[in-house]
């Protein structure tokens, strides 16, 4: 692994660091929105009191923390042959000296290797609608990798009740940040319960400390509703997702290709409102993760 000097210095000094994924740059958003959002997320982490560490693979080298030029390079590579890296893909990208963007699962693995506790993203993967055996590796990784993931729940293009069941089966605590139910990515509510509701970064930090003291190797899922002013109307989003899912099935789009295709189609069907909500929640989650990382750092030092 190659560390950005700022990230390396922060980790050595015990300062708070937040990992960020790179698939949103190469597979999630179009250029130049992808670069702008990635930079805004890093700025939001800093506003929360932590150092950002965007993770990616460049010519076979795992980078923990990217320069502005490297983020720009990944942004311009969007839509090209950049490997989408989950657990199975990391050794392939490294051995073949490829460019790779880390998914939630891939970012969790590298974050744990690097000694980074907090990771901020938009939404995790889950069980795909109408395809119950198509289950994202994100859920398995949360069950075996001790990293705290701050997100807005699972992407709402998925089967959310089934995804919630798998989270329970994997023994993953679902924490509602200032909410009593899981958010639904674009929307603030899903009707699905959380295991505990907290109101502050310090409360999350206390749960992280408790998990560590028990020696448990599972992750924690901190679910944060999108900002109210930016959230989508749940009925509008559900109608768009239903149509997009039907079209994907008709066109035979499934597996790793389905999530980016569905998200893009939902953007089209909502006239861009889902994209606005997506970028807003990414920034919001990054700042909350920075605040939690700072609280965790203070707890450990104290």
C-alpha atoms as a PDB file:
ATOM      1  CA  UNK A   1       0.000   0.000   0.000  1.00  0.00           C
ATOM      2  CA  UNK A   2       1.092   3.555  -0.655  1.00  0.00           C
ATOM      3  CA  UNK A   3      -0.072   6.184   1.837  1.00  0.00           C
ATOM      4  CA  UNK A   4      -0.663   9.842   1.073  1.00  0.00           C
ATOM      5  CA  UNK A   5       1.827  11.689   3.331  1.00  0.00           C
ATOM      6  CA  UNK A   6      -0.942  13.555   5.169  1.00  0.00           C
ATOM      7  CA  UNK A   7      -2.831  10.337   5.877  1.00  0.00           C
ATOM      8  CA  UNK A   8       0.319   8.529   6.979  1.00  0.00           C
ATOM      9  CA  UNK A   9       1.232  11.344   9.374  1.00  0.00           C
ATOM     10  CA  UNK A  10      -2.299  11.445  10.806  1.00  0.00           C
ATOM     11  CA  UNK A  11      -2.371   7.692  11.446  1.00  0.00           C
ATOM     12  CA  UNK A  12       1.070   7.760  13.044  1.00  0.00           C
ATOM     13  CA  UNK A  13      -0.046  10.567  15.365  1.00  0.00           C
ATOM     14  CA  UNK A  14      -3.331   8.882  16.274  1.00  0.00           C
ATOM     15  CA  UNK A  15      -5.367  11.618  14.603  1.00  0.00           C
ATOM     16  CA  UNK A  16      -8.851  10.890  13.175  1.00  0.00           C
ATOM     17  CA  UNK A  17      -8.985   9.593   9.600  1.00  0.00           C
ATOM     18  CA  UNK A  18     -12.005   8.689   7.454  1.00  0.00           C
ATOM     19  CA  UNK A  19     -11.779   6.321   4.475  1.00  0.00           C
ATOM     20  CA  UNK A  20     -13.714   7.120   1.300  1.00  0.00           C
ATOM     21  CA  UNK A  21     -14.504   4.766  -1.595  1.00  0.00           C
ATOM     22  CA  UNK A  22     -13.651   5.367  -5.236  1.00  0.00           C
ATOM     23  CA  UNK A  23     -16.385   3.518  -7.156  1.00  0.00           C
ATOM     24  CA  UNK A  24     -18.581   6.597  -6.892  1.00  0.00           C
ATOM     25  CA  UNK A  25     -15.895   8.345  -8.984  1.00  0.00           C
ATOM     26  CA  UNK A  26     -15.551   5.687 -11.690  1.00  0.00           C
ATOM     27  CA  UNK A  27     -18.922   3.912 -11.640  1.00  0.00           C
ATOM     28  CA  UNK A  28     -21.371   6.083  -9.697  1.00  0.00           C
ATOM     29  CA  UNK A  29     -21.410   9.565 -11.183  1.00  0.00           C
ATOM     30  CA  UNK A  30     -20.590  11.101 -14.582  1.00  0.00           C
ATOM     31  CA  UNK A  31     -17.586  13.359 -15.170  1.00  0.00           C
ATOM     32  CA  UNK A  32     -17.103  16.081 -13.926  1.00  0.00           C
ATOM     33  CA  UNK A  33     -19.778  15.596 -11.229  1.00  0.00           C
ATOM     34  CA  UNK A  34     -17.811  12.626  -9.918  1.00  0.00           C
ATOM     35  CA  UNK A  35     -14.649  14.633  -9.308  1.00  0.00           C
ATOM     36  CA  UNK A  36     -16.542  17.546  -7.789  1.00  0.00           C
ATOM     37  CA  UNK A  37     -18.423  15.250  -5.402  1.00  0.00           C
ATOM     38  CA  UNK A  38     -15.271  13.360  -4.389  1.00  0.00           C
ATOM     39  CA  UNK A  39     -13.523  16.639  -3.560  1.00  0.00           C
ATOM     40  CA  UNK A  40     -16.592  17.893  -1.674  1.00  0.00           C
ATOM     41  CA  UNK A  41     -16.649  14.696   0.381  1.00  0.00           C
ATOM     42  CA  UNK A  42     -13.020  15.180   1.348  1.00  0.00           C
ATOM     43  CA  UNK A  43     -13.806  18.780   2.318  1.00  0.00           C
ATOM     44  CA  UNK A  44     -16.772  17.574   4.391  1.00  0.00           C
ATOM     45  CA  UNK A  45     -14.583  15.064   6.265  1.00  0.00           C
ATOM     46  CA  UNK A  46     -12.230  17.914   7.142  1.00  0.00           C
ATOM     47  CA  UNK A  47     -15.188  20.024   8.294  1.00  0.00           C
ATOM     48  CA  UNK A  48     -16.038  17.178  10.662  1.00  0.00           C
ATOM     49  CA  UNK A  49     -12.551  17.288  12.162  1.00  0.00           C
ATOM     50  CA  UNK A  50     -10.799  14.387  10.401  1.00  0.00           C
ATOM     51  CA  UNK A  51      -8.384  13.677   7.550  1.00  0.00           C
ATOM     52  CA  UNK A  52      -9.898  12.113   4.383  1.00  0.00           C
ATOM     53  CA  UNK A  53      -8.345   9.029   2.791  1.00  0.00           C
ATOM     54  CA  UNK A  54      -9.900   8.199  -0.572  1.00  0.00           C
ATOM     55  CA  UNK A  55      -8.886   4.650  -1.497  1.00  0.00           C
ATOM     56  CA  UNK A  56      -8.185   3.335  -5.007  1.00  0.00           C
ATOM     57  CA  UNK A  57      -5.798   1.131  -6.988  1.00  0.00           C
ATOM     58  CA  UNK A  58      -3.591   2.812  -9.564  1.00  0.00           C
ATOM     59  CA  UNK A  59      -1.522   0.570 -11.842  1.00  0.00           C
ATOM     60  CA  UNK A  60      -1.669  -2.223  -9.298  1.00  0.00           C
ATOM     61  CA  UNK A  61      -0.719  -0.137  -6.265  1.00  0.00           C
ATOM     62  CA  UNK A  62      -3.274   0.335  -3.477  1.00  0.00           C
ATOM     63  CA  UNK A  63      -3.388   4.011  -2.555  1.00  0.00           C
ATOM     64  CA  UNK A  64      -4.656   5.128   0.853  1.00  0.00           C
ATOM     65  CA  UNK A  65      -5.348   8.791   0.226  1.00  0.00           C
ATOM     66  CA  UNK A  66      -5.279  10.383  -3.220  1.00  0.00           C
ATOM     67  CA  UNK A  67      -3.911  13.630  -4.575  1.00  0.00           C
ATOM     68  CA  UNK A  68      -6.158  16.025  -6.460  1.00  0.00           C
ATOM     69  CA  UNK A  69      -4.506  14.926  -9.712  1.00  0.00           C
ATOM     70  CA  UNK A  70      -5.215  11.259  -8.959  1.00  0.00           C
ATOM     71  CA  UNK A  71      -8.891  11.987  -8.249  1.00  0.00           C
ATOM     72  CA  UNK A  72      -9.067  13.894 -11.542  1.00  0.00           C
ATOM     73  CA  UNK A  73      -7.472  10.947 -13.358  1.00  0.00           C
ATOM     74  CA  UNK A  74     -10.008   8.500 -11.934  1.00  0.00           C
ATOM     75  CA  UNK A  75     -12.819  10.893 -12.799  1.00  0.00           C
ATOM     76  CA  UNK A  76     -11.738  11.032 -16.427  1.00  0.00           C
ATOM     77  CA  UNK A  77     -11.504   7.220 -16.490  1.00  0.00           C
ATOM     78  CA  UNK A  78     -15.210   6.894 -15.587  1.00  0.00           C
ATOM     79  CA  UNK A  79     -16.934   4.571 -18.021  1.00  0.00           C
ATOM     80  CA  UNK A  80     -13.682   2.916 -19.126  1.00  0.00           C
ATOM     81  CA  UNK A  81     -12.076  -0.375 -18.114  1.00  0.00           C
ATOM     82  CA  UNK A  82     -11.488   0.385 -14.433  1.00  0.00           C
ATOM     83  CA  UNK A  83     -11.957  -2.745 -12.329  1.00  0.00           C
ATOM     84  CA  UNK A  84     -14.673  -2.483  -9.693  1.00  0.00           C
ATOM     85  CA  UNK A  85     -12.874  -3.995  -6.707  1.00  0.00           C
ATOM     86  CA  UNK A  86     -14.569  -6.002  -4.000  1.00  0.00           C
ATOM     87  CA  UNK A  87     -12.750  -8.710  -1.978  1.00  0.00           C
ATOM     88  CA  UNK A  88     -12.415 -11.094  -4.930  1.00  0.00           C
ATOM     89  CA  UNK A  89     -11.007  -8.388  -7.217  1.00  0.00           C
ATOM     90  CA  UNK A  90      -8.262  -6.847  -5.083  1.00  0.00           C
ATOM     91  CA  UNK A  91      -5.584  -9.490  -5.816  1.00  0.00           C
ATOM     92  CA  UNK A  92      -6.517  -9.496  -9.503  1.00  0.00           C
ATOM     93  CA  UNK A  93      -6.107  -5.733  -9.865  1.00  0.00           C
ATOM     94  CA  UNK A  94      -2.834  -5.738  -7.919  1.00  0.00           C
ATOM     95  CA  UNK A  95      -1.293  -8.717  -9.757  1.00  0.00           C
ATOM     96  CA  UNK A  96      -2.291  -7.423 -13.186  1.00  0.00           C
ATOM     97  CA  UNK A  97      -1.234  -3.842 -12.357  1.00  0.00           C
ATOM     98  CA  UNK A  98      -4.660  -2.497 -13.203  1.00  0.00           C
ATOM     99  CA  UNK A  99      -6.545   0.613 -12.196  1.00  0.00           C
ATOM    100  CA  UNK A 100      -9.251  -0.287  -9.723  1.00  0.00           C
ATOM    101  CA  UNK A 101     -11.991   1.510  -7.796  1.00  0.00           C
ATOM    102  CA  UNK A 102     -12.918   0.096  -4.403  1.00  0.00           C
ATOM    103  CA  UNK A 103     -16.506  -0.773  -3.534  1.00  0.00           C
ATOM    104  CA  UNK A 104     -17.869  -0.603   0.018  1.00  0.00           C
ATOM    105  CA  UNK A 105     -16.455  -4.094   0.679  1.00  0.00           C
ATOM    106  CA  UNK A 106     -13.117  -3.325  -0.975  1.00  0.00           C
ATOM    107  CA  UNK A 107     -12.747  -0.049   0.894  1.00  0.00           C
ATOM    108  CA  UNK A 108     -13.540  -1.737   4.213  1.00  0.00           C
ATOM    109  CA  UNK A 109     -10.788  -4.311   3.644  1.00  0.00           C
ATOM    110  CA  UNK A 110      -8.151  -1.717   2.807  1.00  0.00           C
ATOM    111  CA  UNK A 111      -9.287   0.572   5.638  1.00  0.00           C
ATOM    112  CA  UNK A 112      -8.848  -2.235   8.158  1.00  0.00           C
ATOM    113  CA  UNK A 113      -5.420  -3.078   6.742  1.00  0.00           C
ATOM    114  CA  UNK A 114      -4.449   0.588   7.050  1.00  0.00           C
ATOM    115  CA  UNK A 115      -5.786   0.959  10.605  1.00  0.00           C
ATOM    116  CA  UNK A 116      -8.685   3.265   9.703  1.00  0.00           C
ATOM    117  CA  UNK A 117     -11.847   2.750  11.780  1.00  0.00           C
ATOM    118  CA  UNK A 118     -14.340   5.084  10.013  1.00  0.00           C
ATOM    119  CA  UNK A 119     -15.552   4.878   6.433  1.00  0.00           C
ATOM    120  CA  UNK A 120     -18.148   7.153   4.808  1.00  0.00           C
ATOM    121  CA  UNK A 121     -20.196   6.306   1.745  1.00  0.00           C
ATOM    122  CA  UNK A 122     -23.630   6.906   0.230  1.00  0.00           C
ATOM    123  CA  UNK A 123     -25.391   3.563   0.509  1.00  0.00           C
ATOM    124  CA  UNK A 124     -24.297  -0.031   0.919  1.00  0.00           C
ATOM    125  CA  UNK A 125     -25.196  -2.856  -1.437  1.00  0.00           C
ATOM    126  CA  UNK A 126     -27.730  -5.505  -0.517  1.00  0.00           C
ATOM    127  CA  UNK A 127     -30.234  -8.022  -1.866  1.00  0.00           C
ATOM    128  CA  UNK A 128     -31.417  -7.203  -5.378  1.00  0.00           C
ATOM    129  CA  UNK A 129     -35.135  -6.893  -6.076  1.00  0.00           C
ATOM    130  CA  UNK A 130     -36.532  -9.979  -7.756  1.00  0.00           C
ATOM    131  CA  UNK A 131     -33.155 -11.727  -7.508  1.00  0.00           C
ATOM    132  CA  UNK A 132     -32.854 -12.973  -3.910  1.00  0.00           C
ATOM    133  CA  UNK A 133     -29.647 -14.886  -4.603  1.00  0.00           C
ATOM    134  CA  UNK A 134     -27.935 -11.769  -5.987  1.00  0.00           C
ATOM    135  CA  UNK A 135     -26.570 -10.471  -2.697  1.00  0.00           C
ATOM    136  CA  UNK A 136     -23.900  -7.787  -2.491  1.00  0.00           C
ATOM    137  CA  UNK A 137     -20.540  -8.744  -1.003  1.00  0.00           C
ATOM    138  CA  UNK A 138     -20.884  -5.595   1.118  1.00  0.00           C
ATOM    139  CA  UNK A 139     -23.178  -7.475   3.521  1.00  0.00           C
ATOM    140  CA  UNK A 140     -20.740 -10.348   3.997  1.00  0.00           C
ATOM    141  CA  UNK A 141     -17.865  -7.923   4.502  1.00  0.00           C
ATOM    142  CA  UNK A 142     -19.755  -6.037   7.184  1.00  0.00           C
ATOM    143  CA  UNK A 143     -20.103  -9.353   9.000  1.00  0.00           C
ATOM    144  CA  UNK A 144     -16.360 -10.028   9.135  1.00  0.00           C
ATOM    145  CA  UNK A 145     -14.440  -6.750   8.854  1.00  0.00           C
ATOM    146  CA  UNK A 146     -14.188  -4.471  11.883  1.00  0.00           C
ATOM    147  CA  UNK A 147     -14.794  -1.087  10.270  1.00  0.00           C
ATOM    148  CA  UNK A 148     -17.558   1.412  11.069  1.00  0.00           C
ATOM    149  CA  UNK A 149     -19.496   2.371   7.929  1.00  0.00           C
ATOM    150  CA  UNK A 150     -21.446   5.639   7.873  1.00  0.00           C
ATOM    151  CA  UNK A 151     -24.097   5.644   5.146  1.00  0.00           C
ATOM    152  CA  UNK A 152     -27.745   6.376   4.359  1.00  0.00           C
ATOM    153  CA  UNK A 153     -28.763   2.731   4.559  1.00  0.00           C
ATOM    154  CA  UNK A 154     -28.834   0.386   1.569  1.00  0.00           C
ATOM    155  CA  UNK A 155     -29.427   1.795  -1.891  1.00  0.00           C
ATOM    156  CA  UNK A 156     -33.196   2.010  -2.349  1.00  0.00           C
ATOM    157  CA  UNK A 157     -33.039   0.242  -5.720  1.00  0.00           C
ATOM    158  CA  UNK A 158     -32.564  -2.927  -3.617  1.00  0.00           C
ATOM    159  CA  UNK A 159     -34.935  -5.150  -1.655  1.00  0.00           C
ATOM    160  CA  UNK A 160     -34.644  -3.272   1.636  1.00  0.00           C
ATOM    161  CA  UNK A 161     -36.579  -5.681   3.922  1.00  0.00           C
ATOM    162  CA  UNK A 162     -34.507  -8.635   2.652  1.00  0.00           C
ATOM    163  CA  UNK A 163     -31.313  -6.615   3.052  1.00  0.00           C
ATOM    164  CA  UNK A 164     -32.273  -5.774   6.639  1.00  0.00           C
ATOM    165  CA  UNK A 165     -32.770  -9.487   7.333  1.00  0.00           C
ATOM    166  CA  UNK A 166     -29.311 -10.338   5.996  1.00  0.00           C
ATOM    167  CA  UNK A 167     -27.759  -7.613   8.148  1.00  0.00           C
ATOM    168  CA  UNK A 168     -29.377  -9.243  11.173  1.00  0.00           C
ATOM    169  CA  UNK A 169     -28.202 -12.708  10.127  1.00  0.00           C
ATOM    170  CA  UNK A 170     -24.646 -11.428   9.722  1.00  0.00           C
ATOM    171  CA  UNK A 171     -24.720  -9.985  13.240  1.00  0.00           C
ATOM    172  CA  UNK A 172     -24.231  -6.390  12.136  1.00  0.00           C
ATOM    173  CA  UNK A 173     -25.472  -3.743  14.578  1.00  0.00           C
ATOM    174  CA  UNK A 174     -27.553  -1.185  12.698  1.00  0.00           C
ATOM    175  CA  UNK A 175     -27.301   2.199  14.391  1.00  0.00           C
ATOM    176  CA  UNK A 176     -29.751   4.968  13.565  1.00  0.00           C
ATOM    177  CA  UNK A 177     -28.051   8.369  13.723  1.00  0.00           C
ATOM    178  CA  UNK A 178     -30.734  10.765  14.977  1.00  0.00           C
ATOM    179  CA  UNK A 179     -33.401   8.427  13.582  1.00  0.00           C
ATOM    180  CA  UNK A 180     -35.431   5.486  14.881  1.00  0.00           C
ATOM    181  CA  UNK A 181     -35.587   3.697  11.519  1.00  0.00           C
ATOM    182  CA  UNK A 182     -33.268   2.960   8.647  1.00  0.00           C
ATOM    183  CA  UNK A 183     -33.225   5.616   5.960  1.00  0.00           C
ATOM    184  CA  UNK A 184     -33.919   4.495   2.397  1.00  0.00           C
ATOM    185  CA  UNK A 185     -30.979   6.204   0.678  1.00  0.00           C
ATOM    186  CA  UNK A 186     -32.784   8.855  -1.412  1.00  0.00           C
ATOM    187  CA  UNK A 187     -35.582   9.051   1.169  1.00  0.00           C
ATOM    188  CA  UNK A 188     -35.398   9.585   4.925  1.00  0.00           C
ATOM    189  CA  UNK A 189     -37.541   6.638   6.013  1.00  0.00           C
ATOM    190  CA  UNK A 190     -37.950   2.990   5.075  1.00  0.00           C
ATOM    191  CA  UNK A 191     -40.226   1.697   7.842  1.00  0.00           C
ATOM    192  CA  UNK A 192     -37.458  -0.727   8.887  1.00  0.00           C
ATOM    193  CA  UNK A 193     -36.122  -0.671  12.447  1.00  0.00           C
ATOM    194  CA  UNK A 194     -32.628   0.050  13.691  1.00  0.00           C
ATOM    195  CA  UNK A 195     -31.053  -1.780  16.632  1.00  0.00           C
ATOM    196  CA  UNK A 196     -30.324   1.397  18.546  1.00  0.00           C
ATOM    197  CA  UNK A 197     -30.840   5.110  17.983  1.00  0.00           C
ATOM    198  CA  UNK A 198     -28.120   7.597  18.933  1.00  0.00           C
ATOM    199  CA  UNK A 199     -28.015  11.375  18.932  1.00  0.00           C
ATOM    200  CA  UNK A 200     -24.316  12.265  18.934  1.00  0.00           C
ATOM    201  CA  UNK A 201     -20.893  11.268  17.573  1.00  0.00           C
ATOM    202  CA  UNK A 202     -19.786  10.468  21.135  1.00  0.00           C
ATOM    203  CA  UNK A 203     -22.486   7.790  21.454  1.00  0.00           C
ATOM    204  CA  UNK A 204     -21.280   6.100  18.275  1.00  0.00           C
ATOM    205  CA  UNK A 205     -17.684   6.304  19.505  1.00  0.00           C
ATOM    206  CA  UNK A 206     -18.688   4.572  22.734  1.00  0.00           C
ATOM    207  CA  UNK A 207     -20.230   1.683  20.754  1.00  0.00           C
ATOM    208  CA  UNK A 208     -17.047   1.373  18.654  1.00  0.00           C
ATOM    209  CA  UNK A 209     -14.951   1.197  21.813  1.00  0.00           C
ATOM    210  CA  UNK A 210     -17.259  -1.471  23.251  1.00  0.00           C
ATOM    211  CA  UNK A 211     -17.072  -3.584  20.080  1.00  0.00           C
ATOM    212  CA  UNK A 212     -13.280  -3.354  20.122  1.00  0.00           C
ATOM    213  CA  UNK A 213     -13.035  -4.235  23.799  1.00  0.00           C
ATOM    214  CA  UNK A 214     -15.075  -7.378  23.132  1.00  0.00           C
ATOM    215  CA  UNK A 215     -12.736  -8.414  20.321  1.00  0.00           C
ATOM    216  CA  UNK A 216     -15.596  -8.697  17.808  1.00  0.00           C
ATOM    217  CA  UNK A 217     -14.558  -8.720  14.156  1.00  0.00           C
ATOM    218  CA  UNK A 218     -17.796  -7.491  12.594  1.00  0.00           C
ATOM    219  CA  UNK A 219     -18.425  -3.994  11.321  1.00  0.00           C
ATOM    220  CA  UNK A 220     -20.885  -1.401  12.566  1.00  0.00           C
ATOM    221  CA  UNK A 221     -23.439   0.250  10.284  1.00  0.00           C
ATOM    222  CA  UNK A 222     -24.310   3.848  11.142  1.00  0.00           C
ATOM    223  CA  UNK A 223     -27.319   4.934   9.094  1.00  0.00           C
ATOM    224  CA  UNK A 224     -27.853   8.658   8.560  1.00  0.00           C
ATOM    225  CA  UNK A 225     -30.979  10.079   6.846  1.00  0.00           C
ATOM    226  CA  UNK A 226     -30.284  12.408   3.909  1.00  0.00           C
ATOM    227  CA  UNK A 227     -30.729  16.104   4.717  1.00  0.00           C
ATOM    228  CA  UNK A 228     -34.449  16.870   4.799  1.00  0.00           C
ATOM    229  CA  UNK A 229     -34.182  19.709   2.289  1.00  0.00           C
ATOM    230  CA  UNK A 230     -32.498  17.415  -0.257  1.00  0.00           C
ATOM    231  CA  UNK A 231     -34.350  14.116   0.268  1.00  0.00           C
ATOM    232  CA  UNK A 232     -36.639  12.739  -2.438  1.00  0.00           C
ATOM    233  CA  UNK A 233     -40.331  12.048  -2.174  1.00  0.00           C
ATOM    234  CA  UNK A 234     -40.471   8.313  -1.343  1.00  0.00           C
ATOM    235  CA  UNK A 235     -43.447   7.623  -3.638  1.00  0.00           C
ATOM    236  CA  UNK A 236     -41.773   9.269  -6.626  1.00  0.00           C
ATOM    237  CA  UNK A 237     -38.554   7.362  -6.044  1.00  0.00           C
ATOM    238  CA  UNK A 238     -40.352   4.046  -5.598  1.00  0.00           C
ATOM    239  CA  UNK A 239     -42.224   4.501  -8.883  1.00  0.00           C
ATOM    240  CA  UNK A 240     -38.962   5.286 -10.683  1.00  0.00           C
ATOM    241  CA  UNK A 241     -37.192   2.294  -9.136  1.00  0.00           C
ATOM    242  CA  UNK A 242     -40.029  -0.060 -10.041  1.00  0.00           C
ATOM    243  CA  UNK A 243     -39.886   1.059 -13.665  1.00  0.00           C
ATOM    244  CA  UNK A 244     -36.074   0.946 -13.802  1.00  0.00           C
ATOM    245  CA  UNK A 245     -35.983  -2.548 -12.270  1.00  0.00           C
ATOM    246  CA  UNK A 246     -38.516  -3.815 -14.804  1.00  0.00           C
ATOM    247  CA  UNK A 247     -36.486  -2.347 -17.666  1.00  0.00           C
ATOM    248  CA  UNK A 248     -33.261  -3.878 -16.320  1.00  0.00           C
ATOM    249  CA  UNK A 249     -34.878  -7.321 -16.206  1.00  0.00           C
ATOM    250  CA  UNK A 250     -36.192  -6.902 -19.753  1.00  0.00           C
ATOM    251  CA  UNK A 251     -32.702  -5.956 -20.982  1.00  0.00           C
ATOM    252  CA  UNK A 252     -30.946  -8.732 -19.040  1.00  0.00           C
ATOM    253  CA  UNK A 253     -28.925  -6.361 -16.876  1.00  0.00           C
ATOM    254  CA  UNK A 254     -27.881  -8.056 -13.630  1.00  0.00           C
ATOM    255  CA  UNK A 255     -24.932  -8.637 -11.282  1.00  0.00           C
ATOM    256  CA  UNK A 256     -22.282  -5.909 -10.776  1.00  0.00           C
ATOM    257  CA  UNK A 257     -23.581  -3.962 -13.790  1.00  0.00           C
ATOM    258  CA  UNK A 258     -27.085  -3.588 -12.398  1.00  0.00           C
ATOM    259  CA  UNK A 259     -26.477  -1.080  -9.583  1.00  0.00           C
ATOM    260  CA  UNK A 260     -24.813   1.689 -11.662  1.00  0.00           C
ATOM    261  CA  UNK A 261     -27.313   1.133 -14.489  1.00  0.00           C
ATOM    262  CA  UNK A 262     -30.313   1.343 -12.144  1.00  0.00           C
ATOM    263  CA  UNK A 263     -29.010   4.441 -10.383  1.00  0.00           C
ATOM    264  CA  UNK A 264     -28.467   6.223 -13.696  1.00  0.00           C
ATOM    265  CA  UNK A 265     -31.936   5.261 -14.899  1.00  0.00           C
ATOM    266  CA  UNK A 266     -33.546   6.495 -11.680  1.00  0.00           C
ATOM    267  CA  UNK A 267     -31.767   9.836 -12.171  1.00  0.00           C
ATOM    268  CA  UNK A 268     -33.343  10.076 -15.626  1.00  0.00           C
ATOM    269  CA  UNK A 269     -36.811   9.119 -14.391  1.00  0.00           C
ATOM    270  CA  UNK A 270     -36.719  11.639 -11.516  1.00  0.00           C
ATOM    271  CA  UNK A 271     -35.384  14.468 -13.703  1.00  0.00           C
ATOM    272  CA  UNK A 272     -32.182  14.607 -11.688  1.00  0.00           C
ATOM    273  CA  UNK A 273     -33.784  14.854  -8.255  1.00  0.00           C
ATOM    274  CA  UNK A 274     -32.284  11.545  -7.125  1.00  0.00           C
ATOM    275  CA  UNK A 275     -28.820  12.710  -8.213  1.00  0.00           C
ATOM    276  CA  UNK A 276     -29.216  15.873  -6.146  1.00  0.00           C
ATOM    277  CA  UNK A 277     -30.221  13.794  -3.124  1.00  0.00           C
ATOM    278  CA  UNK A 278     -27.335  11.387  -3.734  1.00  0.00           C
ATOM    279  CA  UNK A 279     -24.628  14.046  -3.795  1.00  0.00           C
ATOM    280  CA  UNK A 280     -26.153  15.838  -0.793  1.00  0.00           C
ATOM    281  CA  UNK A 281     -26.201  12.703   1.361  1.00  0.00           C
ATOM    282  CA  UNK A 282     -22.644  11.821   0.342  1.00  0.00           C
ATOM    283  CA  UNK A 283     -21.391  15.170   1.635  1.00  0.00           C
ATOM    284  CA  UNK A 284     -23.538  14.924   4.758  1.00  0.00           C
ATOM    285  CA  UNK A 285     -22.373  11.406   5.592  1.00  0.00           C
ATOM    286  CA  UNK A 286     -18.735  12.394   5.098  1.00  0.00           C
ATOM    287  CA  UNK A 287     -19.046  15.204   7.637  1.00  0.00           C
ATOM    288  CA  UNK A 288     -20.852  12.989  10.167  1.00  0.00           C
ATOM    289  CA  UNK A 289     -18.127  10.350   9.750  1.00  0.00           C
ATOM    290  CA  UNK A 290     -15.492  13.012  10.385  1.00  0.00           C
ATOM    291  CA  UNK A 291     -17.260  14.049  13.569  1.00  0.00           C
ATOM    292  CA  UNK A 292     -17.499  10.418  14.744  1.00  0.00           C
ATOM    293  CA  UNK A 293     -13.832   9.794  13.913  1.00  0.00           C
ATOM    294  CA  UNK A 294     -12.896  12.853  15.980  1.00  0.00           C
ATOM    295  CA  UNK A 295     -15.043  11.691  18.892  1.00  0.00           C
ATOM    296  CA  UNK A 296     -13.532   8.202  18.685  1.00  0.00           C
ATOM    297  CA  UNK A 297     -10.024   9.646  18.627  1.00  0.00           C
ATOM    298  CA  UNK A 298     -10.762  11.788  21.668  1.00  0.00           C
ATOM    299  CA  UNK A 299     -12.275   8.778  23.469  1.00  0.00           C
ATOM    300  CA  UNK A 300      -9.195   6.624  22.802  1.00  0.00           C
ATOM    301  CA  UNK A 301      -6.745   9.374  23.762  1.00  0.00           C
ATOM    302  CA  UNK A 302      -8.776  10.242  26.848  1.00  0.00           C
END
